[in-house]
Amino acid sequence: MVGRLLLRGMIVGAFAGILIFAFAHSFGEPLVDWAIGFEEKTAQAAGEAPEPEIVSRTTQAGIGLFTGSIIFSTAIGGLFALVFSFVYGRISPLGARGTAALLAIAAFVAISLVPDLKYPANPPAVGNSDTIDARTELFFIMILASVIGMVVAVGFGRRLAARYGSWNGAIIAGIGYIVFVALIQYLLPAINEVPEQFSAVVLWRFRITSLGMHAILWALLGLVFGAWAERELPQVRSRGNAALRRA
């Protein structure tokens, strides 16, 4: 059973990767081209030699983007299916669709939205190459803290639900998660390496496009995978994991 769910998660993830490629190619790549042009003009104005192009823009925007989108989304789809198999029947009495939808929303918030609020995506020409390692470390620290906070909030919310009811427990746990991530974001250093002359419109559109790519992935996993998994687990609810283990 888990193996079939894993395969379905990877298939849905691969399909999401195709849509993400189409979305990024249509809306993100023109912004990348603008940013690269800005970087080249800035370098020329400063009398600096342009950096050698290791991989052509045609390859980057075509097969490179397509391959990266498919591999990443397929891997995330498989991981999503494994986590779904573990939490199904444990965190709520919801069926497959409801569980997948809640899991996708939680993953989008914890992995994509919250870290993006602190360290949003930037196009080329934004950022110092000397600080890329530090920026990457801080970004993954923010993701890890957000995921840990979400897991703790879910467990805390279940305990609160037994005492105060499901709705009140969820609200209290949600507030606790918000306070926790706000504290982490306050403690982590801010990074602002956007050149003064860089277009604010391009920067905003690039960041929205980046977040939209994540939204496509998690929406498809939550909706399509949930509907597909429901065919495999039509009647399993609170004892879902026991059935999965027996299979």
Foldseek 3Di string as FASTA:
>chain_A
DLVVLLVLLLVLLLVLLVVLLVLCLVQPLVLLVVLVVVLVVVCVVVVHDDDDDPDDSVCCSPVVSSVVSNVVSSVVSNVLSNVLLVCFLPLDQDALLVSLQVSLVLCLVLQPVLLCVQPFDFHPPFDDPVCPVVSVVLSVVLSVQSVVLSVVLSVQLVVVCVPPNNVVSNVVSVVSSVVSSVVVSVPDDGDGRGDPPDDPVSGVSNRVSVSVSSVSSSVSRSHVSSVVVCVVVVPDGNCSSVVVVVD
